[in-house]
Protein backbone atom coordinates (compact mmCIF):
# COMPACT_ATOMS: atom_id res chain seq x y z
CA MET A 1 150.72 150.94 133.39
CA LYS A 2 149.93 148.28 130.82
CA PRO A 3 146.43 146.82 131.20
CA SER A 4 146.02 143.21 132.27
CA LEU A 5 145.45 140.66 129.55
CA ASN A 6 142.11 140.02 131.20
CA SER A 7 141.12 143.68 131.37
CA ASN A 8 137.66 144.23 129.91
CA ARG A 9 137.07 147.97 130.23
CA PRO A 10 139.65 149.00 127.60
CA LEU A 11 138.28 146.34 125.26
CA ILE A 12 134.78 147.73 125.66
CA VAL A 13 135.96 151.23 124.76
CA ILE A 14 137.92 149.95 121.75
CA TYR A 15 135.02 147.86 120.52
CA PHE A 16 132.69 150.83 120.90
CA ALA A 17 135.06 152.98 118.84
CA LEU A 18 135.13 150.36 116.08
CA CYS A 19 131.36 150.07 116.20
CA LEU A 20 131.11 153.82 115.66
CA ASP A 21 133.51 153.55 112.72
CA ALA A 22 131.08 151.10 111.11
CA VAL A 23 128.13 153.37 111.96
CA GLY A 24 129.90 156.28 110.27
CA ILE A 25 130.64 154.23 107.16
CA SER A 26 127.22 152.65 106.82
CA LEU A 27 124.78 155.35 107.92
CA VAL A 28 125.31 157.13 104.61
CA PHE A 29 124.39 154.09 102.48
CA PRO A 30 120.58 154.57 102.60
CA ILE A 31 120.67 158.37 102.37
CA LEU A 32 123.60 159.09 100.05
CA PRO A 33 121.65 158.83 96.76
CA GLN A 34 118.97 161.19 98.09
CA LEU A 35 121.51 163.59 99.59
CA LEU A 36 123.55 163.74 96.39
CA LYS A 37 120.44 164.36 94.31
CA GLN A 38 119.62 167.21 96.68
CA VAL A 39 122.99 168.96 96.41
CA THR A 40 123.49 168.25 92.69
CA GLN A 41 119.92 169.07 91.61
CA GLY A 42 119.17 165.58 90.30
CA GLY A 43 120.73 163.37 87.65
CA ASN A 44 122.43 159.98 87.82
CA VAL A 45 124.35 159.89 91.11
CA ALA A 46 125.99 156.45 90.75
CA THR A 47 129.27 158.06 89.66
CA TYR A 48 129.24 160.44 92.63
CA ILE A 49 128.61 157.55 95.03
CA GLY A 50 131.55 155.60 93.63
CA LEU A 51 133.76 158.70 93.75
CA MET A 52 132.93 159.55 97.37
CA THR A 53 133.38 155.96 98.51
CA SER A 54 136.75 155.79 96.78
CA LEU A 55 137.90 159.10 98.26
CA TYR A 56 136.98 157.79 101.71
CA ALA A 57 139.15 154.75 101.02
CA VAL A 58 142.03 156.88 99.69
CA MET A 59 142.24 158.63 103.04
CA GLN A 60 142.22 155.30 104.87
CA PHE A 61 144.93 154.00 102.55
CA ILE A 62 147.14 157.01 103.19
CA PHE A 63 146.60 157.44 106.90
CA ALA A 64 146.08 153.91 108.28
CA PRO A 65 149.82 153.03 108.14
CA VAL A 66 150.71 156.55 109.29
CA LEU A 67 148.45 156.36 112.35
CA GLY A 68 149.58 152.81 113.06
CA ALA A 69 153.26 153.78 112.96
CA LEU A 70 152.63 156.92 115.02
CA SER A 71 150.88 154.83 117.67
CA ASP A 72 153.99 152.64 117.89
CA ASN A 73 156.03 155.76 118.72
CA LEU A 74 153.62 158.10 120.51
CA GLY A 75 151.29 155.56 122.12
CA ARG A 76 147.89 154.20 121.12
CA ARG A 77 145.79 156.46 123.35
CA PRO A 78 146.59 159.94 121.95
CA VAL A 79 146.15 158.77 118.35
CA LEU A 80 142.76 157.24 119.16
CA LEU A 81 141.59 160.34 121.04
CA VAL A 82 142.53 162.70 118.20
CA SER A 83 140.75 160.51 115.65
CA LEU A 84 137.56 160.32 117.76
CA ALA A 85 137.50 164.09 118.25
CA GLY A 86 138.06 164.61 114.54
CA ALA A 87 135.17 162.29 113.67
CA ALA A 88 132.76 164.20 115.93
CA ILE A 89 133.75 167.52 114.35
CA ASN A 90 133.53 166.11 110.84
CA TYR A 91 130.02 164.70 111.21
CA THR A 92 128.86 168.03 112.59
CA ILE A 93 130.18 169.78 109.49
CA MET A 94 128.56 167.22 107.15
CA ALA A 95 125.20 167.68 108.88
CA PHE A 96 124.98 171.22 107.53
CA ALA A 97 127.03 171.03 104.32
CA PRO A 98 125.03 172.75 101.54
CA HIS A 99 127.39 172.01 98.64
CA LEU A 100 128.86 168.91 97.01
CA TRP A 101 132.45 169.94 97.67
CA MET A 102 131.71 170.16 101.39
CA LEU A 103 130.27 166.65 101.41
CA VAL A 104 133.33 165.40 99.56
CA LEU A 105 135.58 167.15 102.09
CA GLY A 106 133.56 165.61 104.91
CA ARG A 107 134.01 162.09 103.52
CA LEU A 108 137.74 162.74 103.16
CA ILE A 109 137.98 163.66 106.84
CA ALA A 110 135.77 160.70 107.77
CA GLY A 111 138.17 158.39 105.94
CA LEU A 112 141.10 159.88 107.84
CA THR A 113 139.48 159.49 111.25
CA SER A 114 138.22 155.95 110.55
CA ALA A 115 141.83 154.93 109.88
CA ASN A 116 141.97 154.53 113.67
CA ALA A 117 140.86 150.91 113.10
CA ALA A 118 144.54 150.09 112.63
CA VAL A 119 145.39 151.58 116.02
CA ALA A 120 142.44 149.82 117.65
CA SER A 121 143.59 146.49 116.24
CA ALA A 122 147.09 147.11 117.56
CA TYR A 123 145.62 147.99 120.97
CA ILE A 124 143.75 144.66 121.04
CA THR A 125 146.99 142.88 120.14
CA ASP A 126 148.80 144.68 122.98
CA ILE A 127 146.41 143.45 125.67
CA SER A 128 145.65 139.98 124.27
CA ALA A 129 147.58 136.76 124.65
CA GLU A 130 148.22 134.97 121.36
CA LYS A 131 145.68 132.28 122.21
CA ASP A 132 142.96 134.94 122.65
CA ARG A 133 143.63 137.00 119.54
CA ALA A 134 141.50 135.07 117.04
CA ARG A 135 138.52 135.19 119.40
CA ARG A 136 138.99 138.89 120.16
CA PHE A 137 139.46 139.75 116.50
CA GLY A 138 136.28 137.79 115.84
CA LEU A 139 134.50 139.92 118.44
CA MET A 140 136.06 142.99 116.85
CA ASN A 141 134.50 142.04 113.52
CA ALA A 142 131.25 141.27 115.33
CA VAL A 143 131.00 144.75 116.85
CA PHE A 144 131.91 146.16 113.44
CA GLY A 145 128.95 144.18 112.14
CA ALA A 146 126.83 145.65 114.94
CA GLY A 147 127.75 149.07 113.61
CA PHE A 148 126.43 147.95 110.25
CA ILE A 149 123.15 147.14 111.98
CA ILE A 150 122.89 150.52 113.68
CA GLY A 151 124.24 152.66 110.84
CA PRO A 152 121.90 151.75 107.97
CA ILE A 153 118.81 151.68 110.19
CA LEU A 154 119.82 155.02 111.71
CA GLY A 155 120.44 156.43 108.26
CA GLY A 156 117.22 155.01 106.79
CA VAL A 157 114.84 155.96 109.61
CA PHE A 158 116.33 159.37 110.42
CA GLY A 159 117.05 160.07 106.76
CA ASP A 160 113.39 159.67 105.82
CA TYR A 161 112.61 162.27 108.48
CA TRP A 162 115.50 164.62 107.57
CA VAL A 163 118.36 163.57 105.36
CA ARG A 164 120.93 165.40 107.55
CA LEU A 165 119.81 164.00 110.89
CA PRO A 166 121.94 160.81 110.80
CA PHE A 167 125.13 162.91 110.73
CA ILE A 168 124.07 164.76 113.88
CA ALA A 169 123.48 161.42 115.62
CA ALA A 170 126.92 160.18 114.53
CA ALA A 171 128.56 163.37 115.83
CA VAL A 172 126.93 162.92 119.25
CA LEU A 173 127.97 159.27 119.47
CA ASN A 174 131.59 160.02 118.54
CA GLY A 175 131.69 162.85 121.06
CA TYR A 176 130.44 160.51 123.76
CA ASN A 177 133.04 157.89 122.84
CA PHE A 178 135.80 160.51 123.00
CA ILE A 179 134.77 161.35 126.58
CA LEU A 180 134.58 157.66 127.47
CA ALA A 181 138.03 156.94 126.03
CA PHE A 182 139.56 160.02 127.65
CA PHE A 183 138.57 158.90 131.15
CA ILE A 184 138.77 155.10 130.84
CA LEU A 185 141.25 154.08 128.14
CA PRO A 186 144.79 153.42 129.49
CA GLU A 187 147.93 153.49 127.41
CA THR A 188 149.38 150.15 126.33
CA ARG A 189 152.45 151.41 124.55
CA PRO A 190 154.07 154.41 126.27
CA LYS A 191 156.19 156.90 124.37
CA THR A 192 159.53 155.47 123.31
CA GLY A 193 161.35 158.72 123.88
CA HIS A 194 162.60 158.67 120.31
CA LYS A 195 161.69 161.14 117.62
CA VAL A 196 159.04 159.96 115.19
CA PRO A 197 160.90 159.01 112.00
CA LEU A 198 159.91 160.84 108.85
CA ALA A 199 159.30 157.45 107.22
CA ALA A 200 156.28 157.06 109.49
CA PHE A 201 154.51 159.71 107.41
CA ASN A 202 155.11 157.86 104.15
CA PRO A 203 152.14 155.55 103.47
CA LEU A 204 154.17 153.48 101.00
CA ALA A 205 157.04 152.75 103.40
CA PRO A 206 155.11 150.11 105.41
CA LEU A 207 153.96 148.49 102.17
CA ARG A 208 157.59 148.15 101.07
CA TRP A 209 158.30 146.55 104.45
CA VAL A 210 155.52 143.99 104.09
CA PHE A 211 156.58 143.04 100.56
CA SER A 212 159.83 141.77 102.08
CA MET A 213 157.90 139.24 104.23
CA ALA A 214 156.96 136.32 102.00
CA GLY A 215 154.76 134.64 104.60
CA LEU A 216 152.67 137.76 105.16
CA LEU A 217 152.25 138.98 101.60
CA PRO A 218 149.78 136.30 100.37
CA ILE A 219 147.54 136.88 103.38
CA ILE A 220 147.45 140.61 102.71
CA MET A 221 146.62 139.90 99.08
CA VAL A 222 143.61 137.85 100.22
CA PHE A 223 142.48 140.75 102.43
CA PHE A 224 142.92 143.06 99.45
CA LEU A 225 140.84 141.02 97.02
CA LEU A 226 138.00 140.05 99.34
CA SER A 227 137.72 143.60 100.67
CA GLY A 228 137.47 144.89 97.13
CA THR A 229 134.46 142.68 96.47
CA GLY A 230 132.80 143.99 99.63
CA GLU A 231 132.75 147.49 98.22
CA ALA A 232 130.04 146.51 95.75
CA TYR A 233 127.50 146.45 98.57
CA GLY A 234 128.19 149.90 99.93
CA THR A 235 128.35 151.37 96.43
CA CYS A 236 125.40 149.69 94.73
CA TRP A 237 123.04 148.31 97.41
CA ALA A 238 120.85 151.39 97.81
CA LEU A 239 120.64 151.99 94.06
CA TRP A 240 119.89 148.31 93.36
CA GLY A 241 117.26 148.12 96.11
CA ALA A 242 115.44 151.11 94.68
CA ASP A 243 115.73 149.96 91.07
CA ALA A 244 114.90 146.28 91.59
CA PHE A 245 112.32 146.44 94.41
CA GLN A 246 111.38 150.14 94.70
CA TRP A 247 112.70 150.21 98.29
CA ASN A 248 112.67 153.53 100.13
CA GLY A 249 115.27 154.63 102.71
CA LEU A 250 113.63 152.61 105.49
CA TRP A 251 113.69 149.32 103.58
CA ILE A 252 117.23 149.89 102.38
CA GLY A 253 118.26 150.54 105.97
CA LEU A 254 116.39 147.49 107.25
CA SER A 255 117.96 145.22 104.63
CA LEU A 256 121.45 146.41 105.52
CA GLY A 257 120.57 146.14 109.20
CA MET A 258 119.44 142.55 108.70
CA PHE A 259 122.77 141.77 107.10
CA GLY A 260 124.50 143.41 110.06
CA VAL A 261 122.57 141.20 112.51
CA CYS A 262 123.54 138.04 110.64
CA GLN A 263 127.14 139.17 110.23
CA THR A 264 127.45 140.01 113.93
CA LEU A 265 126.16 136.60 114.99
CA VAL A 266 128.49 134.86 112.55
CA GLN A 267 131.56 136.84 113.62
CA ALA A 268 130.81 136.48 117.33
CA PHE A 269 130.20 132.72 117.42
CA LEU A 270 131.41 130.89 114.31
CA PRO A 271 135.04 131.78 113.38
CA GLY A 272 136.60 129.61 116.10
CA PRO A 273 134.42 126.50 115.55
CA ALA A 274 134.63 126.87 111.75
CA THR A 275 138.43 127.05 111.84
CA ARG A 276 138.67 124.04 114.15
CA LEU A 277 136.28 122.02 112.02
CA LEU A 278 137.39 123.03 108.53
CA GLY A 279 140.85 124.50 109.01
CA GLU A 280 141.70 128.02 107.92
CA ARG A 281 141.68 127.19 104.21
CA GLY A 282 138.40 125.30 104.46
CA ALA A 283 136.75 128.05 106.51
CA VAL A 284 137.62 130.75 103.99
CA ILE A 285 136.61 128.68 100.96
CA ALA A 286 133.35 127.69 102.65
CA GLY A 287 132.66 131.36 103.30
CA ILE A 288 133.33 132.22 99.66
CA CYS A 289 130.97 129.46 98.52
CA CYS A 290 128.21 130.80 100.78
CA ALA A 291 128.72 134.30 99.40
CA CYS A 292 128.58 133.05 95.81
CA LEU A 293 125.34 131.16 96.44
CA ALA A 294 123.75 134.26 97.93
CA LEU A 295 124.98 136.46 95.08
CA VAL A 296 123.39 134.18 92.47
CA VAL A 297 120.06 134.37 94.30
CA MET A 298 120.33 138.16 94.61
CA ALA A 299 121.13 138.56 90.92
CA PHE A 300 117.95 136.76 89.84
CA ALA A 301 115.61 137.81 92.69
CA ARG A 302 112.38 139.51 91.65
CA GLN A 303 110.85 140.06 95.11
CA GLY A 304 112.40 141.85 98.06
CA TRP A 305 111.61 139.19 100.69
CA VAL A 306 114.04 136.82 98.96
CA ILE A 307 116.93 139.09 99.94
CA PHE A 308 116.00 138.92 103.62
CA ALA A 309 115.68 135.13 103.39
CA ILE A 310 119.17 134.69 101.94
CA MET A 311 120.92 136.96 104.47
CA PRO A 312 122.01 134.23 106.95
CA ILE A 313 123.82 132.33 104.19
CA PHE A 314 125.29 135.56 102.83
CA ALA A 315 126.76 136.49 106.23
CA LEU A 316 128.70 133.21 106.45
CA ALA A 317 131.23 134.70 104.03
CA GLY A 318 133.05 136.24 107.00
CA ILE A 319 133.94 133.11 108.98
CA GLY A 320 137.57 132.96 107.83
CA THR A 321 138.63 136.59 108.29
CA PRO A 322 139.51 136.54 112.04
CA ALA A 323 141.79 133.52 111.61
CA PHE A 324 143.66 135.33 108.82
CA GLN A 325 144.05 138.42 110.98
CA ALA A 326 145.32 136.47 114.00
CA LEU A 327 147.82 134.65 111.80
CA ALA A 328 149.19 137.95 110.56
CA THR A 329 149.81 139.25 114.10
CA ARG A 330 152.09 136.29 114.89
CA GLN A 331 154.42 137.07 112.00
CA VAL A 332 155.80 140.36 113.39
CA ASP A 333 157.18 141.31 116.78
CA PRO A 334 155.10 143.31 119.33
CA ALA A 335 156.98 146.54 118.63
CA ARG A 336 155.61 146.64 115.07
CA GLN A 337 151.99 145.58 115.62
CA GLY A 338 150.73 149.09 114.97
CA GLN A 339 152.60 149.20 111.69
CA LEU A 340 151.28 145.76 110.73
CA GLN A 341 147.66 146.68 111.47
CA GLY A 342 148.16 149.89 109.54
CA VAL A 343 149.39 147.91 106.54
CA LEU A 344 146.42 145.54 106.74
CA THR A 345 144.00 148.45 106.93
CA SER A 346 145.84 150.28 104.17
CA ALA A 347 145.80 147.24 101.87
CA VAL A 348 142.08 146.86 102.44
CA SER A 349 141.62 150.57 101.77
CA LEU A 350 143.56 150.30 98.53
CA ALA A 351 141.01 147.73 97.39
CA THR A 352 138.19 150.04 98.39
CA ILE A 353 139.64 152.81 96.26
CA ILE A 354 139.43 150.65 93.16
CA GLY A 355 136.24 148.74 93.96
CA PRO A 356 133.68 151.57 94.17
CA LEU A 357 134.83 153.14 90.91
CA GLY A 358 134.67 149.84 89.04
CA PHE A 359 131.38 148.67 90.52
CA SER A 360 129.64 152.02 90.07
CA ALA A 361 130.76 152.16 86.43
CA PHE A 362 129.52 148.60 85.82
CA TYR A 363 126.22 149.32 87.56
CA MET A 364 125.60 152.28 85.26
CA LEU A 365 125.94 149.87 82.31
CA VAL A 366 123.40 147.35 83.62
CA GLN A 367 121.11 149.62 85.65
CA LYS A 368 118.32 149.92 83.10
CA THR A 369 118.42 146.38 81.69
CA TRP A 370 119.35 144.11 84.63
CA PRO A 371 120.37 145.76 87.94
CA GLY A 372 121.01 142.37 89.56
CA ALA A 373 123.88 141.69 87.15
CA ILE A 374 126.11 143.70 89.48
CA TRP A 375 126.15 140.72 91.87
CA LEU A 376 127.42 138.35 89.20
CA SER A 377 130.45 140.61 88.76
CA VAL A 378 131.14 140.24 92.48
CA LEU A 379 130.77 136.47 92.18
CA ALA A 380 133.40 136.42 89.43
CA ILE A 381 135.91 138.19 91.67
CA TYR A 382 135.19 135.81 94.55
CA ALA A 383 135.93 132.92 92.19
CA LEU A 384 139.30 134.46 91.35
CA ALA A 385 140.11 134.65 95.07
CA VAL A 386 139.90 130.89 95.65
CA PRO A 387 143.30 129.96 94.10
CA LEU A 388 144.92 132.79 96.07
CA VAL A 389 143.39 131.50 99.32
CA ILE A 390 144.76 128.02 98.61
CA PHE A 391 148.19 129.42 97.82
CA SER A 392 148.34 131.59 100.93
CA THR A 393 147.38 128.73 103.25
CA ARG A 394 149.91 126.43 101.62
CA LYS A 395 152.63 129.01 102.20
CA ARG A 396 151.55 129.34 105.83
CA ARG A 397 151.62 125.60 106.45
CA SER A 398 155.14 125.39 105.12
CA THR A 399 156.44 127.71 107.87
CA PRO A 400 157.01 127.04 111.59
CA LEU A 401 154.28 129.53 112.38
CA ALA A 402 151.72 127.01 111.23
CA THR A 403 152.24 124.98 114.39
CA THR A 404 151.62 127.81 116.84
């Protein structure tokens, strides 16, 4: 039976799963440099960090549209359950991996299982009226931000005690969420009775589909570009914190946790008011301006407390994302929401394949002379995104969908 639009229990389970996805992504940020030095016997690990982050994104890029399309045919619930079980097993393996290749394999599997974000987004669409989607997607981003509070702090505190301990904690949390979802989560899209088409296993097929939709393509391009800039933080934050301020794992975790707190508050309370006050275009551009201001301060900061002071302004960059995501859901019919969310996740993942490699390479160039220069490179990409944001909102306003 399909859950009521007002049902809260399934939403809680879905939000918890997304929170754990963010925990799994971010808990490695404070400990990854130390862990890689341990398994590679020292040396410059910036390249390894960029490589592992990109491999994680490759798996999301490949499997997000696949899992989304499979959930349209097989149902949301079984796909989510398999991904949660896989995440628990994977983190257990990574907790005891003695070699680099095993860590790489673990991040590959983690990228595959975290592709369930596409299915979770489709599940939220299934049980949400159109008028509630922007708010619920905002809450979705807020709980994702909460995961970025828990993950870095968990990684920093536990990692200083034992560098493998955060993975054990993540395995336990994912196992608990699997049990919770198994007993509580209902199905919103029962099996169609049709065979799963082979095209569902082709990650490029949904991208070809979306390229045929002129109104959707510019929005996905905005997701692509802004998500690519976000990869600079996961790739370079820990290295920059240590190089610029001599932060240890705890302070790196606390700084990322502080950002998660600010991001969660912004995503939970500000997207709706910001969109009503500024419009979608204005909200996104205002967010970009806030990010650029924070990046300039970070680039020239000489004391660590400045970074904590600028965090609230930095977090305002996310106020326009939920409105973009809600707009995208209205441009396809309900039967293809899983495929749409898979494409969105896959497009974002494609950016996160490219971003870590580029940012890690650039950081190696400036690491010894000016580590903060990495943030000016991010600012430059944000500036390039502004014309694309204006173009995408103009296209949207020219369609009937703009009045819904």
